Amino acid sequence: MLARAPHFLRAQVARTRVAPSARFVHGHGEYHHLPFEWPGKKRLSFGIKVTAFLVTGFSIPFAAAKFQLNKSSAT
């Protein structure tokens, strides 16, 4: 259908810009792959806090298992 259109119409279609995909447009600036802002100069304290958070979360099941095993062997 476009091949049969007049030349000026084909040129106009070629000049039109397609809107960018809204996939990475969140309305709050540029895209970041982390859900929080990376600290600039506070890297050491940030690393300590993240490590403490991850170690605590990882050790809870082991502490619960030890507690249950100690509780069952005490009776």
PDB file of N, CA and C in Angstrom:
ATOM      1  N   MET A   1       0.822  -1.183   0.000  1.00  0.00           N
ATOM      2  CA  MET A   1       0.000   0.000   0.000  1.00  0.00           C
ATOM      3  C   MET A   1       0.872   1.254   0.000  1.00  0.00           C
ATOM      4  N   LEU A   2       1.959   1.219   0.769  1.00  0.00           N
ATOM      5  CA  LEU A   2       2.846   2.377   0.811  1.00  0.00           C
ATOM      6  C   LEU A   2       3.601   2.542  -0.515  1.00  0.00           C
ATOM      7  N   ALA A   3       3.820   1.449  -1.224  1.00  0.00           N
ATOM      8  CA  ALA A   3       4.530   1.531  -2.501  1.00  0.00           C
ATOM      9  C   ALA A   3       3.711   2.282  -3.545  1.00  0.00           C
ATOM     10  N   ARG A   4       2.398   2.265  -3.447  1.00  0.00           N
ATOM     11  CA  ARG A   4       1.545   2.961  -4.402  1.00  0.00           C
ATOM     12  C   ARG A   4       1.261   4.408  -3.982  1.00  0.00           C
ATOM     13  N   ALA A   5       1.669   4.793  -2.792  1.00  0.00           N
ATOM     14  CA  ALA A   5       1.412   6.148  -2.296  1.00  0.00           C
ATOM     15  C   ALA A   5       2.300   7.148  -3.040  1.00  0.00           C
ATOM     16  N   PRO A   6       1.892   8.400  -3.065  1.00  0.00           N
ATOM     17  CA  PRO A   6       2.719   9.424  -3.709  1.00  0.00           C
ATOM     18  C   PRO A   6       4.064   9.576  -2.994  1.00  0.00           C
ATOM     19  N   HIS A   7       5.036  10.097  -3.715  1.00  0.00           N
ATOM     20  CA  HIS A   7       6.393  10.226  -3.194  1.00  0.00           C
ATOM     21  C   HIS A   7       6.440  11.080  -1.925  1.00  0.00           C
ATOM     22  N   PHE A   8       5.714  12.191  -1.885  1.00  0.00           N
ATOM     23  CA  PHE A   8       5.772  13.069  -0.711  1.00  0.00           C
ATOM     24  C   PHE A   8       5.234  12.355   0.531  1.00  0.00           C
ATOM     25  N   LEU A   9       4.255  11.477   0.357  1.00  0.00           N
ATOM     26  CA  LEU A   9       3.712  10.739   1.491  1.00  0.00           C
ATOM     27  C   LEU A   9       4.726   9.706   1.994  1.00  0.00           C
ATOM     28  N   ARG A  10       5.410   9.049   1.065  1.00  0.00           N
ATOM     29  CA  ARG A  10       6.439   8.088   1.460  1.00  0.00           C
ATOM     30  C   ARG A  10       7.584   8.784   2.170  1.00  0.00           C
ATOM     31  N   ALA A  11       7.954   9.973   1.711  1.00  0.00           N
ATOM     32  CA  ALA A  11       9.029  10.719   2.353  1.00  0.00           C
ATOM     33  C   ALA A  11       8.616  11.164   3.751  1.00  0.00           C
ATOM     34  N   GLN A  12       7.356  11.544   3.890  1.00  0.00           N
ATOM     35  CA  GLN A  12       6.871  11.963   5.200  1.00  0.00           C
ATOM     36  C   GLN A  12       6.857  10.785   6.174  1.00  0.00           C
ATOM     37  N   VAL A  13       6.475   9.626   5.719  1.00  0.00           N
ATOM     38  CA  VAL A  13       6.485   8.435   6.573  1.00  0.00           C
ATOM     39  C   VAL A  13       7.915   8.088   6.961  1.00  0.00           C
ATOM     40  N   ALA A  14       8.849   8.255   6.065  1.00  0.00           N
ATOM     41  CA  ALA A  14      10.247   7.946   6.359  1.00  0.00           C
ATOM     42  C   ALA A  14      10.823   8.922   7.370  1.00  0.00           C
ATOM     43  N   ARG A  15      10.332  10.166   7.390  1.00  0.00           N
ATOM     44  CA  ARG A  15      10.855  11.167   8.318  1.00  0.00           C
ATOM     45  C   ARG A  15      10.247  11.076   9.709  1.00  0.00           C
ATOM     46  N   THR A  16       9.097  10.472   9.823  1.00  0.00           N
ATOM     47  CA  THR A  16       8.461  10.420  11.139  1.00  0.00           C
ATOM     48  C   THR A  16       9.288   9.580  12.087  1.00  0.00           C
ATOM     49  N   ARG A  17       9.364  10.044  13.307  1.00  0.00           N
ATOM     50  CA  ARG A  17      10.131   9.342  14.327  1.00  0.00           C
ATOM     51  C   ARG A  17       9.191   8.487  15.150  1.00  0.00           C
ATOM     52  N   VAL A  18       9.639   7.318  15.438  1.00  0.00           N
ATOM     53  CA  VAL A  18       8.871   6.405  16.272  1.00  0.00           C
ATOM     54  C   VAL A  18       9.223   6.698  17.716  1.00  0.00           C
ATOM     55  N   ALA A  19       8.221   6.740  18.568  1.00  0.00           N
ATOM     56  CA  ALA A  19       8.468   7.003  19.989  1.00  0.00           C
ATOM     57  C   ALA A  19       9.274   5.864  20.586  1.00  0.00           C
ATOM     58  N   PRO A  20      10.222   6.179  21.477  1.00  0.00           N
ATOM     59  CA  PRO A  20      11.023   5.122  22.087  1.00  0.00           C
ATOM     60  C   PRO A  20      10.148   4.212  22.952  1.00  0.00           C
ATOM     61  N   SER A  21      10.597   3.011  23.092  1.00  0.00           N
ATOM     62  CA  SER A  21       9.868   2.035  23.879  1.00  0.00           C
ATOM     63  C   SER A  21       9.790   2.498  25.334  1.00  0.00           C
ATOM     64  N   ALA A  22       8.676   2.256  25.956  1.00  0.00           N
ATOM     65  CA  ALA A  22       8.484   2.680  27.340  1.00  0.00           C
ATOM     66  C   ALA A  22       8.981   1.633  28.326  1.00  0.00           C
ATOM     67  N   ARG A  23       9.747   0.679  27.849  1.00  0.00           N
ATOM     68  CA  ARG A  23      10.196  -0.408  28.723  1.00  0.00           C
ATOM     69  C   ARG A  23      11.110   0.095  29.832  1.00  0.00           C
ATOM     70  N   PHE A  24      12.043   0.962  29.521  1.00  0.00           N
ATOM     71  CA  PHE A  24      12.993   1.427  30.509  1.00  0.00           C
ATOM     72  C   PHE A  24      12.718   2.848  30.968  1.00  0.00           C
ATOM     73  N   VAL A  25      11.578   3.383  30.650  1.00  0.00           N
ATOM     74  CA  VAL A  25      11.225   4.723  31.075  1.00  0.00           C
ATOM     75  C   VAL A  25      10.395   4.600  32.346  1.00  0.00           C
ATOM     76  N   HIS A  26      10.972   4.998  33.459  1.00  0.00           N
ATOM     77  CA  HIS A  26      10.297   4.859  34.743  1.00  0.00           C
ATOM     78  C   HIS A  26       9.822   6.190  35.300  1.00  0.00           C
ATOM     79  N   GLY A  27      10.190   7.268  34.670  1.00  0.00           N
ATOM     80  CA  GLY A  27       9.740   8.563  35.129  1.00  0.00           C
ATOM     81  C   GLY A  27      10.588   9.155  36.237  1.00  0.00           C
ATOM     82  N   HIS A  28      11.702   8.532  36.584  1.00  0.00           N
ATOM     83  CA  HIS A  28      12.540   9.085  37.636  1.00  0.00           C
ATOM     84  C   HIS A  28      13.990   9.173  37.187  1.00  0.00           C
ATOM     85  N   GLY A  29      14.206   9.606  35.990  1.00  0.00           N
ATOM     86  CA  GLY A  29      15.568   9.798  35.500  1.00  0.00           C
ATOM     87  C   GLY A  29      16.049   8.611  34.698  1.00  0.00           C
ATOM     88  N   GLU A  30      17.342   8.422  34.693  1.00  0.00           N
ATOM     89  CA  GLU A  30      17.920   7.354  33.886  1.00  0.00           C
ATOM     90  C   GLU A  30      17.743   5.993  34.554  1.00  0.00           C
ATOM     91  N   TYR A  31      17.966   4.950  33.788  1.00  0.00           N
ATOM     92  CA  TYR A  31      17.764   3.578  34.263  1.00  0.00           C
ATOM     93  C   TYR A  31      18.924   3.138  35.155  1.00  0.00           C
ATOM     94  N   HIS A  32      18.605   2.510  36.286  1.00  0.00           N
ATOM     95  CA  HIS A  32      19.603   1.925  37.177  1.00  0.00           C
ATOM     96  C   HIS A  32      19.238   0.470  37.407  1.00  0.00           C
ATOM     97  N   HIS A  33      20.222  -0.396  37.453  1.00  0.00           N
ATOM     98  CA  HIS A  33      19.954  -1.807  37.631  1.00  0.00           C
ATOM     99  C   HIS A  33      19.768  -2.198  39.093  1.00  0.00           C
ATOM    100  N   LEU A  34      20.036  -1.308  40.020  1.00  0.00           N
ATOM    101  CA  LEU A  34      19.813  -1.579  41.436  1.00  0.00           C
ATOM    102  C   LEU A  34      18.586  -0.811  41.909  1.00  0.00           C
ATOM    103  N   PRO A  35      17.825  -1.369  42.838  1.00  0.00           N
ATOM    104  CA  PRO A  35      16.627  -0.675  43.307  1.00  0.00           C
ATOM    105  C   PRO A  35      16.910   0.413  44.332  1.00  0.00           C
ATOM    106  N   PHE A  36      18.164   0.741  44.539  1.00  0.00           N
ATOM    107  CA  PHE A  36      18.536   1.790  45.480  1.00  0.00           C
ATOM    108  C   PHE A  36      19.720   2.547  44.903  1.00  0.00           C
ATOM    109  N   GLU A  37      20.011   3.685  45.484  1.00  0.00           N
ATOM    110  CA  GLU A  37      21.123   4.486  44.986  1.00  0.00           C
ATOM    111  C   GLU A  37      22.429   3.988  45.584  1.00  0.00           C
ATOM    112  N   TRP A  38      23.434   3.816  44.756  1.00  0.00           N
ATOM    113  CA  TRP A  38      24.733   3.337  45.203  1.00  0.00           C
ATOM    114  C   TRP A  38      25.441   4.455  45.961  1.00  0.00           C
ATOM    115  N   PRO A  39      25.945   4.171  47.153  1.00  0.00           N
ATOM    116  CA  PRO A  39      26.603   5.229  47.927  1.00  0.00           C
ATOM    117  C   PRO A  39      27.932   5.628  47.296  1.00  0.00           C
ATOM    118  N   GLY A  40      28.187   6.902  47.266  1.00  0.00           N
ATOM    119  CA  GLY A  40      29.410   7.397  46.649  1.00  0.00           C
ATOM    120  C   GLY A  40      30.634   7.187  47.515  1.00  0.00           C
ATOM    121  N   LYS A  41      30.745   7.899  48.620  1.00  0.00           N
ATOM    122  CA  LYS A  41      31.940   7.848  49.453  1.00  0.00           C
ATOM    123  C   LYS A  41      31.749   6.984  50.691  1.00  0.00           C
ATOM    124  N   LYS A  42      30.568   6.465  50.893  1.00  0.00           N
ATOM    125  CA  LYS A  42      30.286   5.658  52.082  1.00  0.00           C
ATOM    126  C   LYS A  42      30.324   4.168  51.750  1.00  0.00           C
ATOM    127  N   ARG A  43      31.278   3.753  50.957  1.00  0.00           N
ATOM    128  CA  ARG A  43      31.326   2.371  50.496  1.00  0.00           C
ATOM    129  C   ARG A  43      31.635   1.398  51.623  1.00  0.00           C
ATOM    130  N   LEU A  44      32.501   1.740  52.543  1.00  0.00           N
ATOM    131  CA  LEU A  44      32.876   0.824  53.616  1.00  0.00           C
ATOM    132  C   LEU A  44      31.693   0.548  54.526  1.00  0.00           C
ATOM    133  N   SER A  45      31.000   1.586  54.954  1.00  0.00           N
ATOM    134  CA  SER A  45      29.849   1.367  55.833  1.00  0.00           C
ATOM    135  C   SER A  45      28.733   0.641  55.097  1.00  0.00           C
ATOM    136  N   PHE A  46      28.556   0.933  53.821  1.00  0.00           N
ATOM    137  CA  PHE A  46      27.552   0.235  53.026  1.00  0.00           C
ATOM    138  C   PHE A  46      27.901  -1.242  52.906  1.00  0.00           C
ATOM    139  N   GLY A  47      29.157  -1.552  52.668  1.00  0.00           N
ATOM    140  CA  GLY A  47      29.602  -2.943  52.567  1.00  0.00           C
ATOM    141  C   GLY A  47      29.417  -3.697  53.863  1.00  0.00           C
ATOM    142  N   ILE A  48      29.698  -3.041  54.977  1.00  0.00           N
ATOM    143  CA  ILE A  48      29.521  -3.677  56.282  1.00  0.00           C
ATOM    144  C   ILE A  48      28.044  -3.954  56.552  1.00  0.00           C
ATOM    145  N   LYS A  49      27.186  -3.003  56.226  1.00  0.00           N
ATOM    146  CA  LYS A  49      25.755  -3.191  56.446  1.00  0.00           C
ATOM    147  C   LYS A  49      25.186  -4.292  55.558  1.00  0.00           C
ATOM    148  N   VAL A  50      25.591  -4.326  54.291  1.00  0.00           N
ATOM    149  CA  VAL A  50      25.098  -5.365  53.384  1.00  0.00           C
ATOM    150  C   VAL A  50      25.600  -6.735  53.824  1.00  0.00           C
ATOM    151  N   THR A  51      26.856  -6.822  54.226  1.00  0.00           N
ATOM    152  CA  THR A  51      27.407  -8.092  54.692  1.00  0.00           C
ATOM    153  C   THR A  51      26.686  -8.572  55.940  1.00  0.00           C
ATOM    154  N   ALA A  52      26.430  -7.676  56.887  1.00  0.00           N
ATOM    155  CA  ALA A  52      25.710  -8.061  58.104  1.00  0.00           C
ATOM    156  C   ALA A  52      24.295  -8.532  57.771  1.00  0.00           C
ATOM    157  N   PHE A  53      23.643  -7.853  56.856  1.00  0.00           N
ATOM    158  CA  PHE A  53      22.292  -8.238  56.454  1.00  0.00           C
ATOM    159  C   PHE A  53      22.278  -9.623  55.817  1.00  0.00           C
ATOM    160  N   LEU A  54      23.206  -9.870  54.906  1.00  0.00           N
ATOM    161  CA  LEU A  54      23.251 -11.152  54.211  1.00  0.00           C
ATOM    162  C   LEU A  54      23.666 -12.293  55.136  1.00  0.00           C
ATOM    163  N   VAL A  55      24.634 -12.062  56.011  1.00  0.00           N
ATOM    164  CA  VAL A  55      25.067 -13.099  56.954  1.00  0.00           C
ATOM    165  C   VAL A  55      23.949 -13.426  57.924  1.00  0.00           C
ATOM    166  N   THR A  56      23.242 -12.413  58.399  1.00  0.00           N
ATOM    167  CA  THR A  56      22.124 -12.657  59.315  1.00  0.00           C
ATOM    168  C   THR A  56      21.040 -13.475  58.635  1.00  0.00           C
ATOM    169  N   GLY A  57      20.673 -13.099  57.431  1.00  0.00           N
ATOM    170  CA  GLY A  57      19.638 -13.826  56.709  1.00  0.00           C
ATOM    171  C   GLY A  57      20.037 -15.254  56.372  1.00  0.00           C
ATOM    172  N   PHE A  58      21.309 -15.472  56.081  1.00  0.00           N
ATOM    173  CA  PHE A  58      21.775 -16.815  55.744  1.00  0.00           C
ATOM    174  C   PHE A  58      21.892 -17.698  56.977  1.00  0.00           C
ATOM    175  N   SER A  59      22.216 -17.111  58.139  1.00  0.00           N
ATOM    176  CA  SER A  59      22.461 -17.918  59.336  1.00  0.00           C
ATOM    177  C   SER A  59      21.192 -18.244  60.114  1.00  0.00           C
ATOM    178  N   ILE A  60      20.096 -17.564  59.870  1.00  0.00           N
ATOM    179  CA  ILE A  60      18.858 -17.825  60.616  1.00  0.00           C
ATOM    180  C   ILE A  60      18.388 -19.276  60.487  1.00  0.00           C
ATOM    181  N   PRO A  61      18.346 -19.877  59.305  1.00  0.00           N
ATOM    182  CA  PRO A  61      17.911 -21.283  59.240  1.00  0.00           C
ATOM    183  C   PRO A  61      18.826 -22.238  60.007  1.00  0.00           C
ATOM    184  N   PHE A  62      20.122 -21.986  59.993  1.00  0.00           N
ATOM    185  CA  PHE A  62      21.049 -22.849  60.722  1.00  0.00           C
ATOM    186  C   PHE A  62      20.874 -22.686  62.236  1.00  0.00           C
ATOM    187  N   ALA A  63      20.669 -21.470  62.687  1.00  0.00           N
ATOM    188  CA  ALA A  63      20.427 -21.238  64.115  1.00  0.00           C
ATOM    189  C   ALA A  63      19.114 -21.882  64.541  1.00  0.00           C
ATOM    190  N   ALA A  64      18.091 -21.800  63.708  1.00  0.00           N
ATOM    191  CA  ALA A  64      16.800 -22.422  64.035  1.00  0.00           C
ATOM    192  C   ALA A  64      16.932 -23.943  64.077  1.00  0.00           C
ATOM    193  N   ALA A  65      17.677 -24.532  63.146  1.00  0.00           N
ATOM    194  CA  ALA A  65      17.881 -25.979  63.142  1.00  0.00           C
ATOM    195  C   ALA A  65      18.640 -26.423  64.377  1.00  0.00           C
ATOM    196  N   LYS A  66      19.663 -25.689  64.762  1.00  0.00           N
ATOM    197  CA  LYS A  66      20.431 -26.027  65.978  1.00  0.00           C
ATOM    198  C   LYS A  66      19.548 -25.925  67.207  1.00  0.00           C
ATOM    199  N   PHE A  67      18.722 -24.889  67.267  1.00  0.00           N
ATOM    200  CA  PHE A  67      17.812 -24.727  68.400  1.00  0.00           C
ATOM    201  C   PHE A  67      16.846 -25.899  68.483  1.00  0.00           C
ATOM    202  N   GLN A  68      16.286 -26.314  67.359  1.00  0.00           N
ATOM    203  CA  GLN A  68      15.336 -27.428  67.348  1.00  0.00           C
ATOM    204  C   GLN A  68      16.020 -28.741  67.714  1.00  0.00           C
ATOM    205  N   LEU A  69      17.232 -28.957  67.257  1.00  0.00           N
ATOM    206  CA  LEU A  69      17.950 -30.172  67.604  1.00  0.00           C
ATOM    207  C   LEU A  69      18.317 -30.208  69.089  1.00  0.00           C
ATOM    208  N   ASN A  70      18.725 -29.062  69.621  1.00  0.00           N
ATOM    209  CA  ASN A  70      19.026 -28.995  71.067  1.00  0.00           C
ATOM    210  C   ASN A  70      17.763 -29.183  71.884  1.00  0.00           C
ATOM    211  N   LYS A  71      16.652 -28.652  71.433  1.00  0.00           N
ATOM    212  CA  LYS A  71      15.388 -28.786  72.151  1.00  0.00           C
ATOM    213  C   LYS A  71      14.909 -30.246  72.147  1.00  0.00           C
ATOM    214  N   SER A  72      15.074 -30.920  71.020  1.00  0.00           N
ATOM    215  CA  SER A  72      14.605 -32.300  70.950  1.00  0.00           C
ATOM    216  C   SER A  72      15.520 -33.248  71.719  1.00  0.00           C
ATOM    217  N   SER A  73      16.795 -32.947  71.838  1.00  0.00           N
ATOM    218  CA  SER A  73      17.710 -33.821  72.591  1.00  0.00           C
ATOM    219  C   SER A  73      17.635 -33.559  74.085  1.00  0.00           C
ATOM    220  N   ALA A  74      17.067 -32.454  74.518  1.00  0.00           N
ATOM    221  CA  ALA A  74      16.982 -32.116  75.945  1.00  0.00           C
ATOM    222  C   ALA A  74      15.865 -32.886  76.620  1.00  0.00           C
ATOM    223  N   THR A  75      14.865 -33.323  75.887  1.00  0.00           N
ATOM    224  CA  THR A  75      13.736 -34.024  76.540  1.00  0.00           C
ATOM    225  C   THR A  75      13.950 -35.497  76.645  1.00  0.00           C
TER     226      THR A  75
END
